[in-house]
Amino acid sequence: MVKRNTKINYNLDLIKNRSLELVISRIEKLLNERDDFCHCEVCVIDLIAYVLNNITPLYTTSLLDPFENKKIETINEEIERAIKEGIKRIKEHPHHIDE
């Protein structure tokens, strides 16, 4: 039986999740613009997770990706749709505890 070394010896911090960055930026803006959505940590984290699970991931290793602008434009459209649906779902079924 051959034993394989499964440890990764590369700097994985060089891989950036641009979708995550775009989602966080958009949700921060939304929270500053609207007060009709709960701003508690549970609801905001639920919204971020919901949106990320409903958009295309975009991982990059440099800022030199020539197709990034078109990809970002498409992802921003996906983000807007997912935010609307996520807000609706979270408002209907919040996971936070009202005090």
PDB file of N, CA and C in Angstrom:
ATOM      1  N   MET A   1       0.834  -1.172   0.000  1.00  0.00           N
ATOM      2  CA  MET A   1       0.000   0.000   0.000  1.00  0.00           C
ATOM      3  C   MET A   1       0.888   1.247   0.000  1.00  0.00           C
ATOM      4  N   VAL A   2       0.616   2.160  -0.928  1.00  0.00           N
ATOM      5  CA  VAL A   2       1.391   3.395  -1.038  1.00  0.00           C
ATOM      6  C   VAL A   2       0.722   4.471  -0.189  1.00  0.00           C
ATOM      7  N   LYS A   3       1.497   5.083   0.659  1.00  0.00           N
ATOM      8  CA  LYS A   3       0.977   6.155   1.503  1.00  0.00           C
ATOM      9  C   LYS A   3       1.273   7.493   0.828  1.00  0.00           C
ATOM     10  N   ARG A   4       0.241   8.319   0.677  1.00  0.00           N
ATOM     11  CA  ARG A   4       0.430   9.622   0.038  1.00  0.00           C
ATOM     12  C   ARG A   4       0.437  10.731   1.076  1.00  0.00           C
ATOM     13  N   ASN A   5       1.275  11.710   0.833  1.00  0.00           N
ATOM     14  CA  ASN A   5       1.317  12.889   1.683  1.00  0.00           C
ATOM     15  C   ASN A   5       0.227  13.837   1.197  1.00  0.00           C
ATOM     16  N   THR A   6      -0.800  14.066   2.021  1.00  0.00           N
ATOM     17  CA  THR A   6      -1.911  14.908   1.606  1.00  0.00           C
ATOM     18  C   THR A   6      -1.783  16.343   2.102  1.00  0.00           C
ATOM     19  N   LYS A   7      -0.724  16.668   2.789  1.00  0.00           N
ATOM     20  CA  LYS A   7      -0.536  18.023   3.281  1.00  0.00           C
ATOM     21  C   LYS A   7      -0.198  18.951   2.114  1.00  0.00           C
ATOM     22  N   ILE A   8      -0.913  20.074   2.043  1.00  0.00           N
ATOM     23  CA  ILE A   8      -0.659  21.060   0.994  1.00  0.00           C
ATOM     24  C   ILE A   8       0.405  22.025   1.502  1.00  0.00           C
ATOM     25  N   ASN A   9       1.442  22.194   0.726  1.00  0.00           N
ATOM     26  CA  ASN A   9       2.558  23.040   1.125  1.00  0.00           C
ATOM     27  C   ASN A   9       2.617  24.312   0.298  1.00  0.00           C
ATOM     28  N   TYR A  10       1.467  24.909   0.047  1.00  0.00           N
ATOM     29  CA  TYR A  10       1.390  26.124  -0.747  1.00  0.00           C
ATOM     30  C   TYR A  10       0.680  27.198   0.065  1.00  0.00           C
ATOM     31  N   ASN A  11       0.954  28.439  -0.259  1.00  0.00           N
ATOM     32  CA  ASN A  11       0.318  29.553   0.437  1.00  0.00           C
ATOM     33  C   ASN A  11      -1.076  29.778  -0.143  1.00  0.00           C
ATOM     34  N   LEU A  12      -2.078  29.189   0.498  1.00  0.00           N
ATOM     35  CA  LEU A  12      -3.449  29.291   0.013  1.00  0.00           C
ATOM     36  C   LEU A  12      -4.055  30.664   0.269  1.00  0.00           C
ATOM     37  N   ASP A  13      -3.371  31.500   1.046  1.00  0.00           N
ATOM     38  CA  ASP A  13      -3.839  32.867   1.258  1.00  0.00           C
ATOM     39  C   ASP A  13      -3.760  33.694  -0.032  1.00  0.00           C
ATOM     40  N   LEU A  14      -3.048  33.187  -1.018  1.00  0.00           N
ATOM     41  CA  LEU A  14      -2.945  33.892  -2.300  1.00  0.00           C
ATOM     42  C   LEU A  14      -4.217  33.746  -3.140  1.00  0.00           C
ATOM     43  N   ILE A  15      -5.080  32.810  -2.764  1.00  0.00           N
ATOM     44  CA  ILE A  15      -6.345  32.619  -3.474  1.00  0.00           C
ATOM     45  C   ILE A  15      -7.384  33.511  -2.809  1.00  0.00           C
ATOM     46  N   LYS A  16      -7.999  34.371  -3.602  1.00  0.00           N
ATOM     47  CA  LYS A  16      -9.002  35.305  -3.093  1.00  0.00           C
ATOM     48  C   LYS A  16     -10.380  34.912  -3.603  1.00  0.00           C
ATOM     49  N   ASN A  17     -11.360  34.983  -2.725  1.00  0.00           N
ATOM     50  CA  ASN A  17     -12.745  34.726  -3.100  1.00  0.00           C
ATOM     51  C   ASN A  17     -13.388  36.072  -3.411  1.00  0.00           C
ATOM     52  N   ARG A  18     -13.352  36.467  -4.680  1.00  0.00           N
ATOM     53  CA  ARG A  18     -13.893  37.772  -5.087  1.00  0.00           C
ATOM     54  C   ARG A  18     -15.395  37.833  -4.854  1.00  0.00           C
ATOM     55  N   SER A  19     -16.109  36.715  -4.987  1.00  0.00           N
ATOM     56  CA  SER A  19     -17.549  36.722  -4.730  1.00  0.00           C
ATOM     57  C   SER A  19     -17.825  37.117  -3.285  1.00  0.00           C
ATOM     58  N   LEU A  20     -17.074  36.576  -2.347  1.00  0.00           N
ATOM     59  CA  LEU A  20     -17.247  36.917  -0.942  1.00  0.00           C
ATOM     60  C   LEU A  20     -17.005  38.410  -0.725  1.00  0.00           C
ATOM     61  N   GLU A  21     -15.946  38.931  -1.308  1.00  0.00           N
ATOM     62  CA  GLU A  21     -15.639  40.357  -1.169  1.00  0.00           C
ATOM     63  C   GLU A  21     -16.771  41.217  -1.721  1.00  0.00           C
ATOM     64  N   LEU A  22     -17.307  40.849  -2.884  1.00  0.00           N
ATOM     65  CA  LEU A  22     -18.397  41.606  -3.502  1.00  0.00           C
ATOM     66  C   LEU A  22     -19.670  41.535  -2.661  1.00  0.00           C
ATOM     67  N   VAL A  23     -19.971  40.370  -2.121  1.00  0.00           N
ATOM     68  CA  VAL A  23     -21.173  40.189  -1.302  1.00  0.00           C
ATOM     69  C   VAL A  23     -21.066  41.024  -0.031  1.00  0.00           C
ATOM     70  N   ILE A  24     -19.960  40.951   0.650  1.00  0.00           N
ATOM     71  CA  ILE A  24     -19.797  41.710   1.895  1.00  0.00           C
ATOM     72  C   ILE A  24     -19.903  43.207   1.622  1.00  0.00           C
ATOM     73  N   SER A  25     -19.258  43.664   0.572  1.00  0.00           N
ATOM     74  CA  SER A  25     -19.320  45.079   0.223  1.00  0.00           C
ATOM     75  C   SER A  25     -20.755  45.520  -0.051  1.00  0.00           C
ATOM     76  N   ARG A  26     -21.489  44.722  -0.817  1.00  0.00           N
ATOM     77  CA  ARG A  26     -22.873  45.083  -1.165  1.00  0.00           C
ATOM     78  C   ARG A  26     -23.783  45.043   0.056  1.00  0.00           C
ATOM     79  N   ILE A  27     -23.606  44.058   0.925  1.00  0.00           N
ATOM     80  CA  ILE A  27     -24.457  43.959   2.111  1.00  0.00           C
ATOM     81  C   ILE A  27     -24.134  45.074   3.102  1.00  0.00           C
ATOM     82  N   GLU A  28     -22.866  45.465   3.230  1.00  0.00           N
ATOM     83  CA  GLU A  28     -22.524  46.612   4.075  1.00  0.00           C
ATOM     84  C   GLU A  28     -23.235  47.863   3.585  1.00  0.00           C
ATOM     85  N   LYS A  29     -23.237  48.067   2.272  1.00  0.00           N
ATOM     86  CA  LYS A  29     -23.920  49.221   1.681  1.00  0.00           C
ATOM     87  C   LYS A  29     -25.422  49.138   1.960  1.00  0.00           C
ATOM     88  N   LEU A  30     -25.997  47.966   1.776  1.00  0.00           N
ATOM     89  CA  LEU A  30     -27.422  47.759   2.008  1.00  0.00           C
ATOM     90  C   LEU A  30     -27.792  48.080   3.452  1.00  0.00           C
ATOM     91  N   LEU A  31     -26.980  47.658   4.402  1.00  0.00           N
ATOM     92  CA  LEU A  31     -27.264  47.900   5.817  1.00  0.00           C
ATOM     93  C   LEU A  31     -27.217  49.393   6.146  1.00  0.00           C
ATOM     94  N   ASN A  32     -26.388  50.133   5.439  1.00  0.00           N
ATOM     95  CA  ASN A  32     -26.332  51.580   5.640  1.00  0.00           C
ATOM     96  C   ASN A  32     -27.505  52.302   4.987  1.00  0.00           C
ATOM     97  N   GLU A  33     -28.104  51.689   3.975  1.00  0.00           N
ATOM     98  CA  GLU A  33     -29.197  52.310   3.227  1.00  0.00           C
ATOM     99  C   GLU A  33     -30.577  51.967   3.776  1.00  0.00           C
ATOM    100  N   ARG A  34     -30.721  50.807   4.375  1.00  0.00           N
ATOM    101  CA  ARG A  34     -32.051  50.307   4.759  1.00  0.00           C
ATOM    102  C   ARG A  34     -32.123  50.002   6.242  1.00  0.00           C
ATOM    103  N   ASP A  35     -33.308  50.236   6.783  1.00  0.00           N
ATOM    104  CA  ASP A  35     -33.527  49.861   8.173  1.00  0.00           C
ATOM    105  C   ASP A  35     -34.705  48.893   8.298  1.00  0.00           C
ATOM    106  N   ASP A  36     -35.161  48.353   7.173  1.00  0.00           N
ATOM    107  CA  ASP A  36     -36.285  47.409   7.196  1.00  0.00           C
ATOM    108  C   ASP A  36     -35.815  45.952   7.250  1.00  0.00           C
ATOM    109  N   PHE A  37     -34.517  45.753   7.478  1.00  0.00           N
ATOM    110  CA  PHE A  37     -33.948  44.417   7.609  1.00  0.00           C
ATOM    111  C   PHE A  37     -33.161  44.380   8.903  1.00  0.00           C
ATOM    112  N   CYS A  38     -33.329  43.323   9.665  1.00  0.00           N
ATOM    113  CA  CYS A  38     -32.646  43.187  10.955  1.00  0.00           C
ATOM    114  C   CYS A  38     -31.123  43.246  10.763  1.00  0.00           C
ATOM    115  N   HIS A  39     -30.472  44.072  11.580  1.00  0.00           N
ATOM    116  CA  HIS A  39     -29.028  44.248  11.492  1.00  0.00           C
ATOM    117  C   HIS A  39     -28.262  43.381  12.492  1.00  0.00           C
ATOM    118  N   CYS A  40     -28.958  42.447  13.167  1.00  0.00           N
ATOM    119  CA  CYS A  40     -28.246  41.611  14.138  1.00  0.00           C
ATOM    120  C   CYS A  40     -27.277  40.675  13.407  1.00  0.00           C
ATOM    121  N   GLU A  41     -26.286  40.200  14.137  1.00  0.00           N
ATOM    122  CA  GLU A  41     -25.259  39.344  13.554  1.00  0.00           C
ATOM    123  C   GLU A  41     -25.846  38.099  12.891  1.00  0.00           C
ATOM    124  N   VAL A  42     -26.826  37.469  13.532  1.00  0.00           N
ATOM    125  CA  VAL A  42     -27.409  36.236  13.004  1.00  0.00           C
ATOM    126  C   VAL A  42     -28.046  36.487  11.636  1.00  0.00           C
ATOM    127  N   CYS A  43     -28.855  37.532  11.525  1.00  0.00           N
ATOM    128  CA  CYS A  43     -29.543  37.811  10.259  1.00  0.00           C
ATOM    129  C   CYS A  43     -28.558  38.222   9.156  1.00  0.00           C
ATOM    130  N   VAL A  44     -27.575  39.027   9.495  1.00  0.00           N
ATOM    131  CA  VAL A  44     -26.600  39.467   8.499  1.00  0.00           C
ATOM    132  C   VAL A  44     -25.764  38.282   8.014  1.00  0.00           C
ATOM    133  N   ILE A  45     -25.296  37.439   8.920  1.00  0.00           N
ATOM    134  CA  ILE A  45     -24.512  36.261   8.534  1.00  0.00           C
ATOM    135  C   ILE A  45     -25.373  35.297   7.708  1.00  0.00           C
ATOM    136  N   ASP A  46     -26.641  35.128   8.100  1.00  0.00           N
ATOM    137  CA  ASP A  46     -27.548  34.290   7.312  1.00  0.00           C
ATOM    138  C   ASP A  46     -27.687  34.833   5.903  1.00  0.00           C
ATOM    139  N   LEU A  47     -27.815  36.157   5.768  1.00  0.00           N
ATOM    140  CA  LEU A  47     -27.957  36.764   4.441  1.00  0.00           C
ATOM    141  C   LEU A  47     -26.690  36.563   3.614  1.00  0.00           C
ATOM    142  N   ILE A  48     -25.536  36.773   4.216  1.00  0.00           N
ATOM    143  CA  ILE A  48     -24.273  36.566   3.492  1.00  0.00           C
ATOM    144  C   ILE A  48     -24.176  35.121   3.005  1.00  0.00           C
ATOM    145  N   ALA A  49     -24.461  34.173   3.892  1.00  0.00           N
ATOM    146  CA  ALA A  49     -24.384  32.756   3.510  1.00  0.00           C
ATOM    147  C   ALA A  49     -25.397  32.423   2.424  1.00  0.00           C
ATOM    148  N   TYR A  50     -26.611  32.941   2.550  1.00  0.00           N
ATOM    149  CA  TYR A  50     -27.644  32.680   1.543  1.00  0.00           C
ATOM    150  C   TYR A  50     -27.182  33.187   0.173  1.00  0.00           C
ATOM    151  N   VAL A  51     -26.701  34.416   0.144  1.00  0.00           N
ATOM    152  CA  VAL A  51     -26.277  35.000  -1.129  1.00  0.00           C
ATOM    153  C   VAL A  51     -25.120  34.203  -1.722  1.00  0.00           C
ATOM    154  N   LEU A  52     -24.117  33.876  -0.917  1.00  0.00           N
ATOM    155  CA  LEU A  52     -22.961  33.123  -1.426  1.00  0.00           C
ATOM    156  C   LEU A  52     -23.368  31.758  -1.978  1.00  0.00           C
ATOM    157  N   ASN A  53     -24.371  31.142  -1.373  1.00  0.00           N
ATOM    158  CA  ASN A  53     -24.831  29.842  -1.854  1.00  0.00           C
ATOM    159  C   ASN A  53     -25.671  29.933  -3.122  1.00  0.00           C
ATOM    160  N   ASN A  54     -26.007  31.147  -3.540  1.00  0.00           N
ATOM    161  CA  ASN A  54     -26.865  31.322  -4.707  1.00  0.00           C
ATOM    162  C   ASN A  54     -26.235  32.152  -5.814  1.00  0.00           C
ATOM    163  N   ILE A  55     -24.917  32.321  -5.745  1.00  0.00           N
ATOM    164  CA  ILE A  55     -24.213  33.034  -6.810  1.00  0.00           C
ATOM    165  C   ILE A  55     -23.016  32.198  -7.271  1.00  0.00           C
ATOM    166  N   THR A  56     -22.462  32.600  -8.384  1.00  0.00           N
ATOM    167  CA  THR A  56     -21.293  31.933  -8.938  1.00  0.00           C
ATOM    168  C   THR A  56     -20.050  32.293  -8.129  1.00  0.00           C
ATOM    169  N   PRO A  57     -19.282  31.304  -7.681  1.00  0.00           N
ATOM    170  CA  PRO A  57     -18.027  31.628  -6.984  1.00  0.00           C
ATOM    171  C   PRO A  57     -17.007  32.180  -7.979  1.00  0.00           C
ATOM    172  N   LEU A  58     -16.151  33.059  -7.495  1.00  0.00           N
ATOM    173  CA  LEU A  58     -15.097  33.611  -8.344  1.00  0.00           C
ATOM    174  C   LEU A  58     -13.821  33.694  -7.516  1.00  0.00           C
ATOM    175  N   TYR A  59     -12.954  32.735  -7.721  1.00  0.00           N
ATOM    176  CA  TYR A  59     -11.671  32.712  -7.022  1.00  0.00           C
ATOM    177  C   TYR A  59     -10.590  33.228  -7.960  1.00  0.00           C
ATOM    178  N   THR A  60      -9.749  34.104  -7.437  1.00  0.00           N
ATOM    179  CA  THR A  60      -8.673  34.663  -8.237  1.00  0.00           C
ATOM    180  C   THR A  60      -7.352  34.526  -7.488  1.00  0.00           C
ATOM    181  N   THR A  61      -6.274  34.608  -8.248  1.00  0.00           N
ATOM    182  CA  THR A  61      -4.948  34.580  -7.638  1.00  0.00           C
ATOM    183  C   THR A  61      -4.178  35.850  -7.925  1.00  0.00           C
ATOM    184  N   SER A  62      -4.734  36.700  -8.773  1.00  0.00           N
ATOM    185  CA  SER A  62      -4.086  37.981  -9.063  1.00  0.00           C
ATOM    186  C   SER A  62      -5.136  38.953  -9.591  1.00  0.00           C
ATOM    187  N   LEU A  63      -4.758  40.183  -9.695  1.00  0.00           N
ATOM    188  CA  LEU A  63      -5.666  41.193 -10.240  1.00  0.00           C
ATOM    189  C   LEU A  63      -5.538  41.302 -11.753  1.00  0.00           C
ATOM    190  N   LEU A  64      -4.824  40.393 -12.358  1.00  0.00           N
ATOM    191  CA  LEU A  64      -4.532  40.484 -13.779  1.00  0.00           C
ATOM    192  C   LEU A  64      -5.477  39.673 -14.651  1.00  0.00           C
ATOM    193  N   ASP A  65      -6.574  39.182 -14.104  1.00  0.00           N
ATOM    194  CA  ASP A  65      -7.534  38.388 -14.864  1.00  0.00           C
ATOM    195  C   ASP A  65      -8.235  39.278 -15.894  1.00  0.00           C
ATOM    196  N   PRO A  66      -8.006  39.057 -17.188  1.00  0.00           N
ATOM    197  CA  PRO A  66      -8.585  39.941 -18.212  1.00  0.00           C
ATOM    198  C   PRO A  66     -10.104  39.841 -18.328  1.00  0.00           C
ATOM    199  N   PHE A  67     -10.708  38.787 -17.824  1.00  0.00           N
ATOM    200  CA  PHE A  67     -12.159  38.615 -17.925  1.00  0.00           C
ATOM    201  C   PHE A  67     -12.868  39.004 -16.639  1.00  0.00           C
ATOM    202  N   GLU A  68     -12.145  39.482 -15.665  1.00  0.00           N
ATOM    203  CA  GLU A  68     -12.721  39.730 -14.355  1.00  0.00           C
ATOM    204  C   GLU A  68     -13.856  40.755 -14.389  1.00  0.00           C
ATOM    205  N   ASN A  69     -13.738  41.839 -15.152  1.00  0.00           N
ATOM    206  CA  ASN A  69     -14.790  42.859 -15.169  1.00  0.00           C
ATOM    207  C   ASN A  69     -16.124  42.304 -15.638  1.00  0.00           C
ATOM    208  N   LYS A  70     -16.127  41.510 -16.685  1.00  0.00           N
ATOM    209  CA  LYS A  70     -17.369  40.917 -17.179  1.00  0.00           C
ATOM    210  C   LYS A  70     -17.912  39.925 -16.162  1.00  0.00           C
ATOM    211  N   LYS A  71     -17.044  39.136 -15.561  1.00  0.00           N
ATOM    212  CA  LYS A  71     -17.472  38.179 -14.529  1.00  0.00           C
ATOM    213  C   LYS A  71     -18.075  38.913 -13.341  1.00  0.00           C
ATOM    214  N   ILE A  72     -17.439  39.997 -12.928  1.00  0.00           N
ATOM    215  CA  ILE A  72     -17.924  40.761 -11.782  1.00  0.00           C
ATOM    216  C   ILE A  72     -19.282  41.377 -12.078  1.00  0.00           C
ATOM    217  N   GLU A  73     -19.467  41.869 -13.279  1.00  0.00           N
ATOM    218  CA  GLU A  73     -20.755  42.439 -13.675  1.00  0.00           C
ATOM    219  C   GLU A  73     -21.860  41.383 -13.551  1.00  0.00           C
ATOM    220  N   THR A  74     -21.602  40.195 -14.044  1.00  0.00           N
ATOM    221  CA  THR A  74     -22.570  39.097 -13.962  1.00  0.00           C
ATOM    222  C   THR A  74     -22.826  38.705 -12.509  1.00  0.00           C
ATOM    223  N   ILE A  75     -21.774  38.606 -11.722  1.00  0.00           N
ATOM    224  CA  ILE A  75     -21.915  38.223 -10.323  1.00  0.00           C
ATOM    225  C   ILE A  75     -22.687  39.298  -9.553  1.00  0.00           C
ATOM    226  N   ASN A  76     -22.445  40.569  -9.848  1.00  0.00           N
ATOM    227  CA  ASN A  76     -23.191  41.632  -9.174  1.00  0.00           C
ATOM    228  C   ASN A  76     -24.691  41.523  -9.457  1.00  0.00           C
ATOM    229  N   GLU A  77     -25.057  41.139 -10.667  1.00  0.00           N
ATOM    230  CA  GLU A  77     -26.468  40.921 -10.992  1.00  0.00           C
ATOM    231  C   GLU A  77     -27.020  39.747 -10.181  1.00  0.00           C
ATOM    232  N   GLU A  78     -26.242  38.679 -10.070  1.00  0.00           N
ATOM    233  CA  GLU A  78     -26.655  37.527  -9.261  1.00  0.00           C
ATOM    234  C   GLU A  78     -26.806  37.925  -7.795  1.00  0.00           C
ATOM    235  N   ILE A  79     -25.896  38.752  -7.311  1.00  0.00           N
ATOM    236  CA  ILE A  79     -25.934  39.195  -5.919  1.00  0.00           C
ATOM    237  C   ILE A  79     -27.223  39.958  -5.640  1.00  0.00           C
ATOM    238  N   GLU A  80     -27.593  40.860  -6.522  1.00  0.00           N
ATOM    239  CA  GLU A  80     -28.809  41.652  -6.315  1.00  0.00           C
ATOM    240  C   GLU A  80     -30.043  40.758  -6.238  1.00  0.00           C
ATOM    241  N   ARG A  81     -30.126  39.778  -7.137  1.00  0.00           N
ATOM    242  CA  ARG A  81     -31.267  38.845  -7.115  1.00  0.00           C
ATOM    243  C   ARG A  81     -31.269  38.018  -5.830  1.00  0.00           C
ATOM    244  N   ALA A  82     -30.111  37.523  -5.445  1.00  0.00           N
ATOM    245  CA  ALA A  82     -30.016  36.675  -4.249  1.00  0.00           C
ATOM    246  C   ALA A  82     -30.285  37.470  -2.977  1.00  0.00           C
ATOM    247  N   ILE A  83     -29.868  38.721  -2.932  1.00  0.00           N
ATOM    248  CA  ILE A  83     -30.135  39.559  -1.757  1.00  0.00           C
ATOM    249  C   ILE A  83     -31.637  39.747  -1.585  1.00  0.00           C
ATOM    250  N   LYS A  84     -32.340  40.059  -2.663  1.00  0.00           N
ATOM    251  CA  LYS A  84     -33.796  40.250  -2.581  1.00  0.00           C
ATOM    252  C   LYS A  84     -34.481  38.998  -2.052  1.00  0.00           C
ATOM    253  N   GLU A  85     -34.119  37.856  -2.597  1.00  0.00           N
ATOM    254  CA  GLU A  85     -34.724  36.597  -2.157  1.00  0.00           C
ATOM    255  C   GLU A  85     -34.302  36.264  -0.726  1.00  0.00           C
ATOM    256  N   GLY A  86     -33.038  36.482  -0.406  1.00  0.00           N
ATOM    257  CA  GLY A  86     -32.541  36.190   0.934  1.00  0.00           C
ATOM    258  C   GLY A  86     -33.217  37.038   1.997  1.00  0.00           C
ATOM    259  N   ILE A  87     -33.381  38.315   1.727  1.00  0.00           N
ATOM    260  CA  ILE A  87     -34.064  39.196   2.680  1.00  0.00           C
ATOM    261  C   ILE A  87     -35.486  38.710   2.907  1.00  0.00           C
ATOM    262  N   LYS A  88     -36.157  38.371   1.832  1.00  0.00           N
ATOM    263  CA  LYS A  88     -37.542  37.887   1.948  1.00  0.00           C
ATOM    264  C   LYS A  88     -37.600  36.640   2.831  1.00  0.00           C
ATOM    265  N   ARG A  89     -36.736  35.671   2.568  1.00  0.00           N
ATOM    266  CA  ARG A  89     -36.736  34.420   3.335  1.00  0.00           C
ATOM    267  C   ARG A  89     -36.367  34.627   4.798  1.00  0.00           C
ATOM    268  N   ILE A  90     -35.368  35.458   5.035  1.00  0.00           N
ATOM    269  CA  ILE A  90     -34.915  35.676   6.409  1.00  0.00           C
ATOM    270  C   ILE A  90     -35.971  36.445   7.203  1.00  0.00           C
ATOM    271  N   LYS A  91     -36.636  37.400   6.570  1.00  0.00           N
ATOM    272  CA  LYS A  91     -37.716  38.118   7.253  1.00  0.00           C
ATOM    273  C   LYS A  91     -38.857  37.166   7.618  1.00  0.00           C
ATOM    274  N   GLU A  92     -39.146  36.229   6.731  1.00  0.00           N
ATOM    275  CA  GLU A  92     -40.222  35.268   6.986  1.00  0.00           C
ATOM    276  C   GLU A  92     -39.844  34.250   8.061  1.00  0.00           C
ATOM    277  N   HIS A  93     -38.562  33.892   8.121  1.00  0.00           N
ATOM    278  CA  HIS A  93     -38.104  32.855   9.052  1.00  0.00           C
ATOM    279  C   HIS A  93     -36.766  33.251   9.688  1.00  0.00           C
ATOM    280  N   PRO A  94     -36.759  34.288  10.526  1.00  0.00           N
ATOM    281  CA  PRO A  94     -35.496  34.698  11.152  1.00  0.00           C
ATOM    282  C   PRO A  94     -35.014  33.657  12.155  1.00  0.00           C
ATOM    283  N   HIS A  95     -33.701  33.552  12.299  1.00  0.00           N
ATOM    284  CA  HIS A  95     -33.109  32.601  13.241  1.00  0.00           C
ATOM    285  C   HIS A  95     -32.696  33.249  14.546  1.00  0.00           C
ATOM    286  N   HIS A  96     -32.804  34.573  14.634  1.00  0.00           N
ATOM    287  CA  HIS A  96     -32.430  35.240  15.879  1.00  0.00           C
ATOM    288  C   HIS A  96     -33.561  35.133  16.907  1.00  0.00           C
ATOM    289  N   ILE A  97     -33.199  35.378  18.123  1.00  0.00           N
ATOM    290  CA  ILE A  97     -34.170  35.320  19.213  1.00  0.00           C
ATOM    291  C   ILE A  97     -34.557  36.753  19.575  1.00  0.00           C
ATOM    292  N   ASP A  98     -35.840  37.077  19.451  1.00  0.00           N
ATOM    293  CA  ASP A  98     -36.312  38.411  19.845  1.00  0.00           C
ATOM    294  C   ASP A  98     -36.232  38.547  21.354  1.00  0.00           C
ATOM    295  N   GLU A  99     -35.745  39.691  21.786  1.00  0.00           N
ATOM    296  CA  GLU A  99     -35.653  39.937  23.237  1.00  0.00           C
ATOM    297  C   GLU A  99     -36.788  40.790  23.705  1.00  0.00           C
TER     298      GLU A  99
END
